[in-house]
Amino acid sequence: MKKVIAAGAMAAALLHAPAHAQDVGNLLSNVDFSLTGYGTAGTVVTSTDSAVYIRGNESSGATQSFAENVDSNLGIQATARFNSWLAATVQAEYTSDALTGVIPWAYVKLDPLDNLSFKLGRVEMPIFAISDSLDVGYANVWLRPPQEVYALSNLKELNGAEFSYSLPVAGTHLTLTGYAGDTVIWTQRYAQMTGNDARGGELKWDTQWVTLRAGWAQTHVDGNILIENIPVGPIPSPLGDVTAYVPYNYYVEDIYSFEGFGALVDHDNIIAQAEWVKRYSRNYPGTVNATGWYVLGGYRFGTVAPYLSYAKTSKDHGDGYTAAGTLSDDQSTTAIGVRWDAFKSADIKLQVEHVNPDGTAGVSFAFTNSPLGLLPATPNGSVNVFSLTVDFIF
């Protein structure tokens, strides 16, 4: 009897299999696939060989010799929309020299209501005014974002969930975003640590030509930090006193937080941007705490948009215990540049910067090679940086 029942069930399954296969085929045939991409090809040269100029957490960069890795990247994004409320997106990015991952976005998006959406997977944490387009040079007027602000966060991708609710308000939109999951803390000088129980939110108000936003993020940090070289000495020797550099590994447990405010203006031919951010720690404030801000103004003359910006970051001195150095030092940058939309989907940018790290390694001069290994690099005074890029989308 059991055999008869099993045979009947198998026959029913076989009879219905073509129908199920047809349903899957119909679903796939209705999927809207799209493939887009972006990239930047650039070169950078500076006025010094005493320090290496980098962007973010790169491990090599520019000196008086030209370097192409500082700004160059290539990204491809694939999106599959299954219906009006379900879609999936994956973005892959290649950079020739950076510590962060090659998959900044990989998520499923649900839109259960017109103004409500959920993303499940990997997303970029919305901690800046342009977090969504930070790596897309063509989407921004500047050649590169001010490092005095954008190199401070140490946060990138979130593995978890994000929700966003947009409320129409008198012809404008007020959007609330919240997220939770795990992340990685990328420190410019000390590689990476795991960030557990990451969470945060953003409130953004969009009008026809003004965007205002405020954001906050926090994560629990738990892991080991390896500092490549700790100076020990002076040590007496036949050749005189010398300083030795040794690796040092120590355990860190902390609550790491980041907050910021920003304003974007794009009205007729006028362009203006400003942001203020603060990074702070519960257990190691003297090592971590820092603030940064910038202002930018520009004007479009047809396809040409010159701009000028000033940015500054500083450690929050006297905030408490310092654990073997700081994540960043004081620095200010004055930049002048021009964007030329020379082609339909490509631009050419030239930017000249005067960077003053105030006698420290700042946030743009992390390491230099020496017989003793990688050492924090302090330029001999201010440094001029000259950059040229071509941004494109496809």
Protein backbone atom coordinates (compact mmCIF):
# COMPACT_ATOMS: atom_id res chain seq x y z
CA MET A 1 0.00 0.00 0.00
CA LYS A 2 2.87 2.35 0.90
CA LYS A 3 4.47 1.62 -2.47
CA VAL A 4 1.22 2.52 -4.27
CA ILE A 5 1.02 5.82 -2.40
CA ALA A 6 4.67 6.62 -3.13
CA ALA A 7 4.21 5.79 -6.81
CA GLY A 8 1.16 8.01 -6.96
CA ALA A 9 3.01 10.90 -5.33
CA MET A 10 5.90 10.53 -7.75
CA ALA A 11 3.55 10.48 -10.72
CA ALA A 12 1.79 13.61 -9.48
CA ALA A 13 5.13 15.36 -9.04
CA LEU A 14 6.20 14.44 -12.54
CA LEU A 15 2.91 15.65 -13.96
CA HIS A 16 3.28 19.02 -12.18
CA ALA A 17 7.03 19.45 -12.86
CA PRO A 18 6.56 21.00 -16.31
CA ALA A 19 4.10 23.47 -14.86
CA HIS A 20 6.54 24.48 -12.11
CA ALA A 21 9.38 24.74 -14.61
CA GLN A 22 7.18 26.90 -16.80
CA ASP A 23 6.40 29.15 -13.80
CA VAL A 24 10.12 29.57 -13.10
CA GLY A 25 10.75 30.24 -16.76
CA ASN A 26 8.01 32.85 -16.84
CA LEU A 27 9.46 34.49 -13.73
CA LEU A 28 12.95 34.66 -15.22
CA SER A 29 11.62 35.92 -18.55
CA ASN A 30 9.99 38.83 -16.73
CA VAL A 31 13.14 39.80 -14.85
CA ASP A 32 14.50 43.21 -15.81
CA PHE A 33 18.30 42.93 -15.89
CA SER A 34 20.54 46.00 -16.03
CA LEU A 35 24.32 46.33 -16.10
CA THR A 36 26.08 49.64 -15.46
CA GLY A 37 29.61 50.66 -14.67
CA TYR A 38 31.91 53.45 -13.65
CA GLY A 39 35.60 54.14 -13.45
CA THR A 40 38.39 56.63 -12.96
CA ALA A 41 41.79 56.73 -14.59
CA GLY A 42 44.10 59.15 -12.85
CA THR A 43 47.62 60.12 -11.93
CA VAL A 44 49.05 62.04 -8.97
CA VAL A 45 52.41 63.67 -8.25
CA THR A 46 53.57 65.67 -5.22
CA SER A 47 56.31 68.11 -4.31
CA THR A 48 58.10 65.78 -1.88
CA ASP A 49 59.87 62.43 -1.66
CA SER A 50 59.97 62.48 2.15
CA ALA A 51 56.43 61.08 2.45
CA VAL A 52 53.94 59.11 0.38
CA TYR A 53 50.59 60.72 -0.39
CA ILE A 54 47.69 58.28 -0.13
CA ARG A 55 43.91 58.31 -0.20
CA GLY A 56 42.02 56.60 2.61
CA ASN A 57 43.60 53.30 3.62
CA GLU A 58 45.89 52.74 0.66
CA SER A 59 49.29 51.26 1.46
CA SER A 60 51.22 53.08 -1.29
CA GLY A 61 50.81 56.32 -3.20
CA ALA A 62 52.42 59.33 -4.83
CA THR A 63 55.68 61.17 -4.27
CA GLN A 64 57.69 63.21 -6.77
CA SER A 65 57.16 60.16 -8.97
CA PHE A 66 53.74 59.84 -10.60
CA ALA A 67 51.35 57.27 -9.12
CA GLU A 68 48.22 55.96 -10.82
CA ASN A 69 46.76 53.93 -7.93
CA VAL A 70 45.61 56.84 -5.73
CA ASP A 71 42.33 57.59 -7.51
CA SER A 72 42.00 54.95 -10.24
CA ASN A 73 39.24 52.35 -9.97
CA LEU A 74 36.75 50.37 -12.05
CA GLY A 75 33.32 49.21 -10.93
CA ILE A 76 30.44 47.20 -12.41
CA GLN A 77 26.94 46.95 -10.98
CA ALA A 78 24.35 44.35 -11.95
CA THR A 79 20.70 44.65 -10.91
CA ALA A 80 17.89 42.17 -11.41
CA ARG A 81 14.35 43.46 -10.79
CA PHE A 82 11.92 40.57 -10.44
CA ASN A 83 8.77 42.64 -9.95
CA SER A 84 7.61 45.95 -8.52
CA TRP A 85 8.72 45.07 -4.97
CA LEU A 86 11.70 42.70 -5.28
CA ALA A 87 15.18 43.33 -6.72
CA ALA A 88 18.78 42.20 -6.22
CA THR A 89 21.98 44.21 -6.74
CA VAL A 90 25.66 43.26 -6.80
CA GLN A 91 28.51 45.72 -7.32
CA ALA A 92 32.14 44.73 -7.83
CA GLU A 93 34.99 47.23 -7.73
CA TYR A 94 38.66 46.96 -8.62
CA THR A 95 41.33 49.25 -7.22
CA SER A 96 45.01 48.60 -7.76
CA ASP A 97 46.01 49.26 -4.15
CA ALA A 98 43.48 49.41 -1.32
CA LEU A 99 42.70 47.30 1.72
CA THR A 100 38.91 47.27 1.42
CA GLY A 101 36.91 44.51 -0.25
CA VAL A 102 36.02 44.23 -3.92
CA ILE A 103 32.26 43.74 -3.31
CA PRO A 104 31.00 46.95 -1.66
CA TRP A 105 27.34 46.21 -2.48
CA ALA A 106 25.49 42.85 -2.56
CA TYR A 107 21.90 42.97 -1.35
CA VAL A 108 18.28 42.06 -1.94
CA LYS A 109 15.87 45.01 -1.89
CA LEU A 110 12.25 44.76 -0.80
CA ASP A 111 9.72 47.55 -1.42
CA PRO A 112 6.57 46.48 0.46
CA LEU A 113 5.15 50.03 0.37
CA ASP A 114 5.64 53.00 -1.93
CA ASN A 115 7.81 54.91 0.56
CA LEU A 116 9.33 52.00 2.51
CA SER A 117 12.24 49.79 1.47
CA PHE A 118 14.48 47.14 3.05
CA LYS A 119 17.95 46.02 1.97
CA LEU A 120 19.31 42.69 3.18
CA GLY A 121 22.97 41.82 2.58
CA ARG A 122 26.01 44.08 2.16
CA VAL A 123 25.60 47.84 1.82
CA GLU A 124 27.76 50.92 2.22
CA MET A 125 27.03 52.58 5.55
CA PRO A 126 25.36 56.00 4.96
CA ILE A 127 27.75 58.01 7.13
CA PHE A 128 28.55 60.82 4.66
CA ALA A 129 26.56 63.15 2.44
CA ILE A 130 27.66 61.21 -0.65
CA SER A 131 28.12 57.68 0.71
CA ASP A 132 26.14 56.14 -2.17
CA SER A 133 28.40 57.70 -4.82
CA LEU A 134 31.66 58.03 -2.92
CA ASP A 135 33.59 55.77 -5.31
CA VAL A 136 31.95 57.14 -8.48
CA GLY A 137 34.12 60.06 -9.53
CA TYR A 138 31.75 61.10 -12.32
CA ALA A 139 28.94 61.70 -9.79
CA ASN A 140 30.90 64.38 -7.89
CA VAL A 141 32.25 67.78 -8.78
CA TRP A 142 35.57 67.32 -6.96
CA LEU A 143 38.42 65.12 -8.09
CA ARG A 144 38.60 63.37 -4.70
CA PRO A 145 36.71 63.92 -1.46
CA PRO A 146 38.50 65.91 1.27
CA GLN A 147 40.53 63.43 3.29
CA GLU A 148 40.19 65.56 6.41
CA VAL A 149 36.60 64.29 6.56
CA TYR A 150 36.35 61.17 4.40
CA ALA A 151 39.47 59.45 5.77
CA LEU A 152 38.23 59.69 9.38
CA SER A 153 35.36 57.23 9.50
CA ASN A 154 37.26 53.90 9.26
CA LEU A 155 33.87 52.34 8.40
CA LYS A 156 32.82 51.01 5.01
CA GLU A 157 30.57 48.06 4.28
CA LEU A 158 27.85 46.72 6.57
CA ASN A 159 26.80 43.06 6.49
CA GLY A 160 23.27 43.12 7.79
CA ALA A 161 20.02 44.96 7.09
CA GLU A 162 18.93 48.50 6.29
CA PHE A 163 15.52 50.14 6.11
CA SER A 164 14.56 53.47 4.59
CA TYR A 165 11.28 55.38 4.86
CA SER A 166 10.59 58.51 2.83
CA LEU A 167 7.87 60.93 3.85
CA PRO A 168 6.65 63.59 1.37
CA VAL A 169 6.48 66.99 3.07
CA ALA A 170 5.10 69.96 1.12
CA GLY A 171 6.94 69.20 -2.10
CA THR A 172 10.07 67.96 -0.33
CA HIS A 173 11.11 64.55 1.03
CA LEU A 174 12.15 63.62 4.56
CA THR A 175 13.94 60.25 4.63
CA LEU A 176 14.81 58.19 7.69
CA THR A 177 17.32 55.35 7.31
CA GLY A 178 18.36 52.82 9.93
CA TYR A 179 20.72 49.86 9.78
CA ALA A 180 22.25 47.08 11.88
CA GLY A 181 24.74 44.27 11.38
CA ASP A 182 28.50 43.65 11.44
CA THR A 183 31.30 45.61 9.83
CA VAL A 184 35.08 45.99 9.66
CA ILE A 185 37.06 48.87 11.14
CA TRP A 186 39.74 49.86 8.61
CA THR A 187 42.48 51.82 10.33
CA GLN A 188 44.81 53.72 8.07
CA ARG A 189 47.91 52.61 9.96
CA TYR A 190 46.95 49.45 11.78
CA ALA A 191 45.07 47.35 9.19
CA GLN A 192 41.66 46.06 10.37
CA MET A 193 39.49 44.93 13.27
CA THR A 194 36.04 43.35 13.39
CA GLY A 195 33.11 45.58 14.31
CA ASN A 196 30.22 43.67 15.89
CA ASP A 197 26.71 44.91 16.64
CA ALA A 198 27.09 47.87 14.29
CA ARG A 199 24.08 50.15 14.13
CA GLY A 200 23.20 53.65 13.10
CA GLY A 201 20.86 55.94 11.26
CA GLU A 202 20.52 58.92 8.98
CA LEU A 203 17.92 61.67 8.64
CA LYS A 204 17.91 63.45 5.29
CA TRP A 205 15.79 66.30 3.95
CA ASP A 206 15.73 66.79 0.17
CA THR A 207 14.30 69.85 -1.56
CA GLN A 208 14.57 70.84 -5.20
CA TRP A 209 18.07 72.23 -4.77
CA VAL A 210 19.11 71.71 -1.12
CA THR A 211 19.92 68.52 0.80
CA LEU A 212 20.48 68.51 4.56
CA ARG A 213 21.50 65.38 6.46
CA ALA A 214 22.54 64.15 9.90
CA GLY A 215 23.92 60.71 10.67
CA TRP A 216 25.27 58.57 13.49
CA ALA A 217 26.94 55.14 13.62
CA GLN A 218 28.30 52.98 16.41
CA THR A 219 29.92 49.55 16.64
CA HIS A 220 31.52 47.29 19.22
CA VAL A 221 35.20 46.70 18.43
CA ASP A 222 36.82 43.50 19.66
CA GLY A 223 40.17 42.19 18.41
CA ASN A 224 43.92 42.57 18.10
CA ILE A 225 45.81 45.44 16.52
CA LEU A 226 49.26 44.85 15.09
CA ILE A 227 51.41 47.97 14.95
CA GLU A 228 54.25 47.30 12.56
CA ASN A 229 56.93 49.42 14.22
CA ILE A 230 57.14 50.75 17.77
CA PRO A 231 60.26 52.81 18.52
CA VAL A 232 62.38 51.43 21.37
CA GLY A 233 65.42 53.33 22.54
CA PRO A 234 67.77 54.99 22.36
CA ILE A 235 69.90 51.86 22.74
CA PRO A 236 73.69 52.24 23.28
CA SER A 237 75.82 50.68 20.55
CA PRO A 238 79.46 50.88 19.30
CA LEU A 239 78.21 53.30 16.65
CA GLY A 240 76.36 55.44 19.15
CA ASP A 241 72.79 55.46 20.40
CA VAL A 242 70.29 53.86 18.02
CA THR A 243 66.52 53.39 18.01
CA ALA A 244 65.08 49.96 17.26
CA TYR A 245 61.66 49.38 15.76
CA VAL A 246 59.74 46.28 16.82
CA PRO A 247 56.23 44.93 16.06
CA TYR A 248 53.66 45.16 18.82
CA ASN A 249 50.33 43.38 19.09
CA TYR A 250 47.71 44.31 21.66
CA TYR A 251 44.08 43.48 22.37
CA VAL A 252 41.40 46.15 21.96
CA GLU A 253 37.83 46.22 23.23
CA ASP A 254 35.94 49.42 22.60
CA ILE A 255 32.78 51.20 21.52
CA TYR A 256 33.55 53.19 18.38
CA SER A 257 31.21 55.98 17.21
CA PHE A 258 30.98 58.35 14.26
CA GLU A 259 28.58 61.21 13.63
CA GLY A 260 28.23 63.91 11.01
CA PHE A 261 26.16 66.72 9.52
CA GLY A 262 26.13 67.88 5.91
CA ALA A 263 24.57 70.30 3.45
CA LEU A 264 24.54 70.15 -0.36
CA VAL A 265 23.37 72.97 -2.64
CA ASP A 266 22.92 72.69 -6.41
CA HIS A 267 20.95 75.66 -7.73
CA ASP A 268 21.15 76.83 -11.34
CA ASN A 269 24.93 77.09 -11.84
CA ILE A 270 25.87 77.38 -8.15
CA ILE A 271 27.45 74.42 -6.34
CA ALA A 272 28.12 74.41 -2.59
CA GLN A 273 28.87 71.66 -0.07
CA ALA A 274 29.84 71.46 3.59
CA GLU A 275 30.22 68.66 6.13
CA TRP A 276 31.27 68.31 9.76
CA VAL A 277 32.13 64.93 11.33
CA LYS A 278 33.38 63.60 14.67
CA ARG A 279 34.99 60.25 15.49
CA TYR A 280 35.12 59.13 19.11
CA SER A 281 35.91 56.18 21.35
CA ARG A 282 34.74 55.12 24.80
CA ASN A 283 37.97 53.47 26.00
CA TYR A 284 40.73 55.09 23.89
CA PRO A 285 39.64 58.69 23.29
CA GLY A 286 43.19 60.01 23.12
CA THR A 287 43.95 57.61 20.27
CA VAL A 288 40.69 57.84 18.32
CA ASN A 289 38.86 61.11 18.95
CA ALA A 290 39.07 63.60 16.09
CA THR A 291 36.92 66.10 14.22
CA GLY A 292 36.93 67.18 10.59
CA TRP A 293 35.10 69.59 8.33
CA TYR A 294 35.20 71.12 4.86
CA VAL A 295 33.49 73.74 2.72
CA LEU A 296 33.36 73.76 -1.08
CA GLY A 297 32.04 76.24 -3.60
CA GLY A 298 31.87 76.13 -7.38
CA TYR A 299 30.16 77.58 -10.42
CA ARG A 300 29.23 76.04 -13.78
CA PHE A 301 30.19 77.85 -16.97
CA GLY A 302 28.56 75.58 -19.49
CA THR A 303 30.50 72.30 -19.43
CA VAL A 304 33.27 73.72 -17.21
CA ALA A 305 32.93 73.94 -13.43
CA PRO A 306 35.80 75.43 -11.40
CA TYR A 307 35.69 74.95 -7.64
CA LEU A 308 37.55 75.83 -4.46
CA SER A 309 37.55 73.98 -1.14
CA TYR A 310 39.10 74.13 2.31
CA ALA A 311 39.21 71.20 4.73
CA LYS A 312 40.62 70.72 8.22
CA THR A 313 40.93 67.91 10.75
CA SER A 314 42.34 67.87 14.25
CA LYS A 315 42.80 65.43 17.09
CA ASP A 316 40.72 66.16 20.14
CA HIS A 317 43.66 66.83 22.44
CA GLY A 318 43.46 65.93 26.09
CA ASP A 319 40.49 63.57 25.66
CA GLY A 320 42.04 60.74 27.64
CA TYR A 321 44.13 57.60 27.37
CA THR A 322 46.23 57.17 24.24
CA ALA A 323 47.15 53.61 23.17
CA ALA A 324 50.37 53.75 21.14
CA GLY A 325 49.88 56.65 18.77
CA THR A 326 46.78 58.04 17.11
CA LEU A 327 44.61 56.96 14.19
CA SER A 328 45.15 60.33 12.50
CA ASP A 329 46.87 63.65 13.05
CA ASP A 330 46.16 67.32 12.36
CA GLN A 331 45.95 68.43 8.74
CA SER A 332 44.43 71.13 6.53
CA THR A 333 44.09 71.29 2.75
CA THR A 334 43.28 74.10 0.35
CA ALA A 335 42.25 72.77 -3.06
CA ILE A 336 41.42 74.41 -6.36
CA GLY A 337 40.18 72.40 -9.29
CA VAL A 338 38.12 72.29 -12.43
CA ARG A 339 35.73 69.74 -13.89
CA TRP A 340 35.22 69.69 -17.67
CA ASP A 341 32.34 67.57 -18.98
CA ALA A 342 34.16 66.96 -22.23
CA PHE A 343 32.03 64.01 -23.33
CA LYS A 344 28.50 62.74 -22.84
CA SER A 345 29.44 60.19 -20.16
CA ALA A 346 32.95 61.25 -19.19
CA ASP A 347 34.68 64.20 -17.58
CA ILE A 348 38.23 65.44 -17.15
CA LYS A 349 39.33 66.92 -13.82
CA LEU A 350 42.43 68.79 -12.69
CA GLN A 351 43.05 69.54 -9.01
CA VAL A 352 45.88 71.28 -7.18
CA GLU A 353 46.12 71.01 -3.38
CA HIS A 354 48.26 72.61 -0.72
CA VAL A 355 48.37 70.13 2.17
CA ASN A 356 49.64 71.20 5.58
CA PRO A 357 50.01 68.25 8.01
CA ASP A 358 51.17 70.57 10.78
CA GLY A 359 54.43 68.71 11.39
CA THR A 360 52.72 65.29 11.59
CA ALA A 361 51.72 62.51 9.21
CA GLY A 362 48.24 64.08 8.97
CA VAL A 363 45.61 61.86 7.34
CA SER A 364 47.17 61.75 3.87
CA PHE A 365 50.73 60.61 4.64
CA ALA A 366 50.59 57.22 6.32
CA PHE A 367 53.72 55.24 5.52
CA THR A 368 57.05 55.37 3.76
CA ASN A 369 59.52 52.60 3.02
CA SER A 370 62.79 52.46 4.96
CA PRO A 371 65.38 49.81 5.84
CA LEU A 372 63.46 49.31 9.08
CA GLY A 373 60.14 48.65 7.36
CA LEU A 374 56.98 50.76 7.24
CA LEU A 375 57.18 53.89 9.36
CA PRO A 376 54.76 56.79 9.84
CA ALA A 377 55.85 59.47 7.41
CA THR A 378 56.05 63.13 8.37
CA PRO A 379 56.62 65.43 5.39
CA ASN A 380 59.15 68.19 5.67
CA GLY A 381 56.62 71.01 5.79
CA SER A 382 53.61 71.52 3.56
CA VAL A 383 53.14 69.48 0.38
CA ASN A 384 51.69 70.45 -2.98
CA VAL A 385 49.68 67.73 -4.72
CA PHE A 386 48.84 67.75 -8.44
CA SER A 387 46.16 65.38 -9.76
CA LEU A 388 44.58 64.63 -13.14
CA THR A 389 41.72 62.18 -13.71
CA VAL A 390 39.24 61.03 -16.32
CA ASP A 391 35.92 59.81 -14.85
CA PHE A 392 33.45 57.81 -16.90
CA ILE A 393 30.22 55.86 -16.63
CA PHE A 394 28.74 53.23 -18.94
